[in-house]
C-alpha atoms as a PDB file:
ATOM      1  CA  UNK A   1      91.838  -6.096   9.991  1.00  0.00           C
ATOM      2  CA  UNK A   2      88.234  -7.261  11.548  1.00  0.00           C
ATOM      3  CA  UNK A   3      86.721  -5.421  14.608  1.00  0.00           C
ATOM      4  CA  UNK A   4      88.138  -7.493  17.488  1.00  0.00           C
ATOM      5  CA  UNK A   5      91.974  -6.934  16.170  1.00  0.00           C
ATOM      6  CA  UNK A   6      91.076  -3.069  15.904  1.00  0.00           C
ATOM      7  CA  UNK A   7      89.658  -2.844  19.736  1.00  0.00           C
ATOM      8  CA  UNK A   8      92.891  -4.875  20.965  1.00  0.00           C
ATOM      9  CA  UNK A   9      95.215  -2.190  19.050  1.00  0.00           C
ATOM     10  CA  UNK A  10      93.244   0.819  20.247  1.00  0.00           C
ATOM     11  CA  UNK A  11      93.164  -0.209  23.977  1.00  0.00           C
ATOM     12  CA  UNK A  12      97.024  -0.789  23.642  1.00  0.00           C
ATOM     13  CA  UNK A  13      97.397   3.042  23.079  1.00  0.00           C
ATOM     14  CA  UNK A  14      98.888   5.300  25.655  1.00  0.00           C
ATOM     15  CA  UNK A  15      96.044   7.496  27.194  1.00  0.00           C
ATOM     16  CA  UNK A  16      98.769  10.331  26.869  1.00  0.00           C
ATOM     17  CA  UNK A  17      97.987  10.208  22.899  1.00  0.00           C
ATOM     18  CA  UNK A  18      94.298  10.394  23.110  1.00  0.00           C
ATOM     19  CA  UNK A  19      94.566  13.416  25.348  1.00  0.00           C
ATOM     20  CA  UNK A  20      96.829  15.165  22.951  1.00  0.00           C
ATOM     21  CA  UNK A  21      94.576  14.214  20.433  1.00  0.00           C
ATOM     22  CA  UNK A  22      91.737  15.951  22.152  1.00  0.00           C
ATOM     23  CA  UNK A  23      93.274  18.911  23.090  1.00  0.00           C
ATOM     24  CA  UNK A  24      95.161  19.472  19.663  1.00  0.00           C
ATOM     25  CA  UNK A  25      94.555  22.809  18.458  1.00  0.00           C
ATOM     26  CA  UNK A  26      94.152  23.381  14.779  1.00  0.00           C
ATOM     27  CA  UNK A  27      94.415  27.228  14.997  1.00  0.00           C
ATOM     28  CA  UNK A  28      98.343  26.437  15.168  1.00  0.00           C
ATOM     29  CA  UNK A  29      98.118  24.656  11.827  1.00  0.00           C
ATOM     30  CA  UNK A  30      96.019  27.427  10.483  1.00  0.00           C
ATOM     31  CA  UNK A  31      98.941  29.874  11.266  1.00  0.00           C
ATOM     32  CA  UNK A  32     101.203  27.840   9.479  1.00  0.00           C
ATOM     33  CA  UNK A  33      99.505  27.519   6.657  1.00  0.00           C
ATOM     34  CA  UNK A  34      98.854  31.506   6.402  1.00  0.00           C
ATOM     35  CA  UNK A  35     103.102  31.272   7.001  1.00  0.00           C
ATOM     36  CA  UNK A  36     103.513  29.400   3.888  1.00  0.00           C
ATOM     37  CA  UNK A  37     103.117  31.830   0.892  1.00  0.00           C
ATOM     38  CA  UNK A  38     105.094  34.391   2.743  1.00  0.00           C
ATOM     39  CA  UNK A  39     108.099  32.341   3.112  1.00  0.00           C
ATOM     40  CA  UNK A  40     107.892  31.232  -0.396  1.00  0.00           C
ATOM     41  CA  UNK A  41     107.861  35.449  -1.139  1.00  0.00           C
ATOM     42  CA  UNK A  42     110.771  35.680   1.022  1.00  0.00           C
ATOM     43  CA  UNK A  43     112.732  32.784  -0.865  1.00  0.00           C
ATOM     44  CA  UNK A  44     111.895  34.096  -4.382  1.00  0.00           C
ATOM     45  CA  UNK A  45     112.910  37.888  -3.530  1.00  0.00           C
ATOM     46  CA  UNK A  46     116.464  36.185  -2.050  1.00  0.00           C
ATOM     47  CA  UNK A  47     116.848  34.318  -5.473  1.00  0.00           C
ATOM     48  CA  UNK A  48     116.018  37.231  -7.479  1.00  0.00           C
ATOM     49  CA  UNK A  49     118.289  39.630  -5.311  1.00  0.00           C
ATOM     50  CA  UNK A  50     121.219  36.812  -5.350  1.00  0.00           C
ATOM     51  CA  UNK A  51     120.676  36.748  -9.303  1.00  0.00           C
ATOM     52  CA  UNK A  52     120.806  40.603  -9.711  1.00  0.00           C
ATOM     53  CA  UNK A  53     123.881  40.602  -7.729  1.00  0.00           C
ATOM     54  CA  UNK A  54     125.637  37.827  -9.472  1.00  0.00           C
ATOM     55  CA  UNK A  55     124.842  39.602 -13.224  1.00  0.00           C
ATOM     56  CA  UNK A  56     126.184  42.697 -11.747  1.00  0.00           C
ATOM     57  CA  UNK A  57     129.136  41.308 -10.554  1.00  0.00           C
ATOM     58  CA  UNK A  58     129.431  39.482 -14.150  1.00  0.00           C
ATOM     59  CA  UNK A  59     128.918  43.040 -15.691  1.00  0.00           C
ATOM     60  CA  UNK A  60     125.914  41.443 -17.452  1.00  0.00           C
ATOM     61  CA  UNK A  61     123.974  44.630 -15.614  1.00  0.00           C
ATOM     62  CA  UNK A  62     126.510  47.418 -15.668  1.00  0.00           C
ATOM     63  CA  UNK A  63     124.797  50.822 -14.683  1.00  0.00           C
ATOM     64  CA  UNK A  64     126.775  53.807 -15.167  1.00  0.00           C
ATOM     65  CA  UNK A  65     127.991  55.548 -11.708  1.00  0.00           C
ATOM     66  CA  UNK A  66     125.776  58.809 -12.105  1.00  0.00           C
ATOM     67  CA  UNK A  67     126.897  62.040 -10.946  1.00  0.00           C
ATOM     68  CA  UNK A  68     124.437  64.572 -12.257  1.00  0.00           C
ATOM     69  CA  UNK A  69     125.575  67.959 -13.075  1.00  0.00           C
ATOM     70  CA  UNK A  70     124.922  71.116 -14.645  1.00  0.00           C
ATOM     71  CA  UNK A  71     126.755  70.249 -17.510  1.00  0.00           C
ATOM     72  CA  UNK A  72     125.467  67.625 -19.511  1.00  0.00           C
ATOM     73  CA  UNK A  73     129.073  67.164 -21.091  1.00  0.00           C
ATOM     74  CA  UNK A  74     130.580  66.415 -17.450  1.00  0.00           C
ATOM     75  CA  UNK A  75     127.752  64.576 -16.060  1.00  0.00           C
ATOM     76  CA  UNK A  76     128.810  62.042 -19.220  1.00  0.00           C
ATOM     77  CA  UNK A  77     132.416  62.411 -18.627  1.00  0.00           C
ATOM     78  CA  UNK A  78     131.966  61.392 -15.230  1.00  0.00           C
ATOM     79  CA  UNK A  79     130.228  58.463 -15.851  1.00  0.00           C
ATOM     80  CA  UNK A  80     132.782  57.150 -18.263  1.00  0.00           C
ATOM     81  CA  UNK A  81     135.683  58.025 -15.624  1.00  0.00           C
ATOM     82  CA  UNK A  82     133.533  56.100 -13.035  1.00  0.00           C
ATOM     83  CA  UNK A  83     133.881  53.072 -14.944  1.00  0.00           C
ATOM     84  CA  UNK A  84     137.491  53.230 -13.657  1.00  0.00           C
ATOM     85  CA  UNK A  85     136.304  52.481  -9.923  1.00  0.00           C
ATOM     86  CA  UNK A  86     134.734  49.362 -10.945  1.00  0.00           C
ATOM     87  CA  UNK A  87     137.014  46.272  -9.872  1.00  0.00           C
ATOM     88  CA  UNK A  88     136.926  44.568 -13.351  1.00  0.00           C
ATOM     89  CA  UNK A  89     138.094  47.926 -15.086  1.00  0.00           C
ATOM     90  CA  UNK A  90     141.815  48.091 -15.738  1.00  0.00           C
ATOM     91  CA  UNK A  91     142.190  51.286 -18.021  1.00  0.00           C
ATOM     92  CA  UNK A  92     139.663  54.010 -18.853  1.00  0.00           C
ATOM     93  CA  UNK A  93     140.542  56.888 -21.111  1.00  0.00           C
ATOM     94  CA  UNK A  94     137.857  59.376 -22.144  1.00  0.00           C
ATOM     95  CA  UNK A  95     139.277  60.940 -25.532  1.00  0.00           C
ATOM     96  CA  UNK A  96     136.468  63.280 -26.700  1.00  0.00           C
ATOM     97  CA  UNK A  97     132.974  64.248 -25.244  1.00  0.00           C
ATOM     98  CA  UNK A  98     130.423  66.402 -27.090  1.00  0.00           C
ATOM     99  CA  UNK A  99     126.898  67.443 -27.396  1.00  0.00           C
ATOM    100  CA  UNK A 100     125.528  66.073 -30.803  1.00  0.00           C
ATOM    101  CA  UNK A 101     122.937  68.697 -32.070  1.00  0.00           C
ATOM    102  CA  UNK A 102     121.713  67.067 -35.048  1.00  0.00           C
ATOM    103  CA  UNK A 103     121.356  63.611 -33.043  1.00  0.00           C
ATOM    104  CA  UNK A 104     119.526  65.631 -30.699  1.00  0.00           C
ATOM    105  CA  UNK A 105     117.164  67.068 -33.041  1.00  0.00           C
ATOM    106  CA  UNK A 106     116.859  63.372 -34.492  1.00  0.00           C
ATOM    107  CA  UNK A 107     115.963  61.805 -31.580  1.00  0.00           C
ATOM    108  CA  UNK A 108     113.571  64.550 -29.874  1.00  0.00           C
ATOM    109  CA  UNK A 109     111.485  64.121 -33.070  1.00  0.00           C
ATOM    110  CA  UNK A 110     111.505  60.104 -32.662  1.00  0.00           C
ATOM    111  CA  UNK A 111     110.580  60.589 -28.976  1.00  0.00           C
ATOM    112  CA  UNK A 112     108.069  63.427 -29.689  1.00  0.00           C
ATOM    113  CA  UNK A 113     104.471  62.039 -28.880  1.00  0.00           C
ATOM    114  CA  UNK A 114     105.937  58.274 -28.552  1.00  0.00           C
ATOM    115  CA  UNK A 115     104.360  55.923 -25.950  1.00  0.00           C
ATOM    116  CA  UNK A 116     108.102  55.324 -24.761  1.00  0.00           C
ATOM    117  CA  UNK A 117     108.016  59.229 -23.977  1.00  0.00           C
ATOM    118  CA  UNK A 118     104.676  59.139 -22.269  1.00  0.00           C
ATOM    119  CA  UNK A 119     105.686  56.435 -19.996  1.00  0.00           C
ATOM    120  CA  UNK A 120     108.658  58.032 -19.056  1.00  0.00           C
ATOM    121  CA  UNK A 121     106.623  61.396 -18.479  1.00  0.00           C
ATOM    122  CA  UNK A 122     108.306  63.495 -21.040  1.00  0.00           C
ATOM    123  CA  UNK A 123     106.054  66.012 -22.706  1.00  0.00           C
ATOM    124  CA  UNK A 124     106.878  67.117 -26.065  1.00  0.00           C
ATOM    125  CA  UNK A 125     107.687  70.610 -24.327  1.00  0.00           C
ATOM    126  CA  UNK A 126     110.041  68.784 -21.767  1.00  0.00           C
ATOM    127  CA  UNK A 127     111.893  66.854 -24.530  1.00  0.00           C
ATOM    128  CA  UNK A 128     112.267  70.052 -26.432  1.00  0.00           C
ATOM    129  CA  UNK A 129     113.725  71.704 -23.908  1.00  0.00           C
ATOM    130  CA  UNK A 130     115.588  69.328 -21.517  1.00  0.00           C
ATOM    131  CA  UNK A 131     116.573  66.659 -23.717  1.00  0.00           C
ATOM    132  CA  UNK A 132     119.953  66.152 -25.067  1.00  0.00           C
ATOM    133  CA  UNK A 133     122.223  63.783 -26.986  1.00  0.00           C
ATOM    134  CA  UNK A 134     125.941  63.416 -25.822  1.00  0.00           C
ATOM    135  CA  UNK A 135     128.400  61.845 -27.827  1.00  0.00           C
ATOM    136  CA  UNK A 136     131.320  60.139 -26.262  1.00  0.00           C
ATOM    137  CA  UNK A 137     134.379  58.257 -27.564  1.00  0.00           C
ATOM    138  CA  UNK A 138     136.728  56.555 -25.007  1.00  0.00           C
ATOM    139  CA  UNK A 139     139.094  53.482 -24.717  1.00  0.00           C
ATOM    140  CA  UNK A 140     138.574  50.914 -22.050  1.00  0.00           C
ATOM    141  CA  UNK A 141     140.368  47.686 -20.961  1.00  0.00           C
ATOM    142  CA  UNK A 142     139.329  45.316 -18.423  1.00  0.00           C
ATOM    143  CA  UNK A 143     140.518  42.195 -16.414  1.00  0.00           C
ATOM    144  CA  UNK A 144     139.128  38.971 -17.951  1.00  0.00           C
ATOM    145  CA  UNK A 145     139.228  37.242 -14.933  1.00  0.00           C
ATOM    146  CA  UNK A 146     136.757  39.271 -13.839  1.00  0.00           C
ATOM    147  CA  UNK A 147     134.276  40.260 -16.586  1.00  0.00           C
ATOM    148  CA  UNK A 148     133.431  39.155 -20.324  1.00  0.00           C
ATOM    149  CA  UNK A 149     133.182  42.617 -21.766  1.00  0.00           C
ATOM    150  CA  UNK A 150     135.467  43.330 -24.965  1.00  0.00           C
ATOM    151  CA  UNK A 151     138.242  46.074 -24.491  1.00  0.00           C
ATOM    152  CA  UNK A 152     138.642  48.446 -27.053  1.00  0.00           C
ATOM    153  CA  UNK A 153     137.378  51.884 -28.633  1.00  0.00           C
ATOM    154  CA  UNK A 154     133.913  53.158 -27.593  1.00  0.00           C
ATOM    155  CA  UNK A 155     131.928  55.307 -29.612  1.00  0.00           C
ATOM    156  CA  UNK A 156     128.620  55.830 -27.496  1.00  0.00           C
ATOM    157  CA  UNK A 157     125.596  58.317 -27.405  1.00  0.00           C
ATOM    158  CA  UNK A 158     124.076  59.084 -24.078  1.00  0.00           C
ATOM    159  CA  UNK A 159     120.577  60.212 -23.656  1.00  0.00           C
ATOM    160  CA  UNK A 160     120.374  63.105 -20.644  1.00  0.00           C
ATOM    161  CA  UNK A 161     117.185  64.601 -19.578  1.00  0.00           C
ATOM    162  CA  UNK A 162     117.498  67.484 -17.031  1.00  0.00           C
ATOM    163  CA  UNK A 163     115.781  68.134 -13.825  1.00  0.00           C
ATOM    164  CA  UNK A 164     113.770  70.904 -13.937  1.00  0.00           C
ATOM    165  CA  UNK A 165     113.960  71.594 -10.012  1.00  0.00           C
ATOM    166  CA  UNK A 166     117.983  71.100  -9.773  1.00  0.00           C
ATOM    167  CA  UNK A 167     119.145  71.861 -13.344  1.00  0.00           C
ATOM    168  CA  UNK A 168     121.329  68.930 -13.367  1.00  0.00           C
ATOM    169  CA  UNK A 169     121.445  66.471 -16.155  1.00  0.00           C
ATOM    170  CA  UNK A 170     121.312  63.080 -15.580  1.00  0.00           C
ATOM    171  CA  UNK A 171     121.922  60.134 -18.017  1.00  0.00           C
ATOM    172  CA  UNK A 172     118.452  58.321 -18.904  1.00  0.00           C
ATOM    173  CA  UNK A 173     119.733  55.894 -21.325  1.00  0.00           C
ATOM    174  CA  UNK A 174     122.630  54.831 -23.418  1.00  0.00           C
ATOM    175  CA  UNK A 175     123.229  53.011 -26.796  1.00  0.00           C
ATOM    176  CA  UNK A 176     124.680  49.926 -27.557  1.00  0.00           C
ATOM    177  CA  UNK A 177     128.527  51.131 -27.940  1.00  0.00           C
ATOM    178  CA  UNK A 178     130.329  50.137 -31.186  1.00  0.00           C
ATOM    179  CA  UNK A 179     133.732  48.752 -30.275  1.00  0.00           C
ATOM    180  CA  UNK A 180     136.937  47.873 -31.655  1.00  0.00           C
ATOM    181  CA  UNK A 181     140.132  45.656 -31.070  1.00  0.00           C
ATOM    182  CA  UNK A 182     142.389  47.316 -28.780  1.00  0.00           C
ATOM    183  CA  UNK A 183     145.378  49.354 -30.489  1.00  0.00           C
ATOM    184  CA  UNK A 184     149.094  47.693 -31.050  1.00  0.00           C
END
């Protein structure tokens, strides 16, 4: 394109566009540039929330319904019975729940002075006085149109800590269950 063609093309521009270009507000674009990271962060959080909800619905992430109690056995029993309230659980039957003194002693020794105990705020004194292992044996049956979990008999250890202010026991963790095929 030579100079003359350019000049002719420019003369055909409507003055309205020239006026808009002269009065263009760059601050508007600057605000938009700052808004992009906020929108991106919101989108990432929404995706993570949806993935978490989907994992929960599929039974991949399955927190225990916790009803802390002054009795560690009652805390575990209510957590297991709380599984019956989930839409994918057909049957739950608690067979036995008891404090396992030898497992408690073993786990307290294992946690004493450990990085895991420190990361959870458990001092050696706290573990000695406010930590207990509860063993439970129960049977559970699931609706397999709702979850991929296996039915059967479960033996499971629950690790409980006592809230020193309320005196109530809460489930801090549990082992992976040992399951067997359903009877009959």
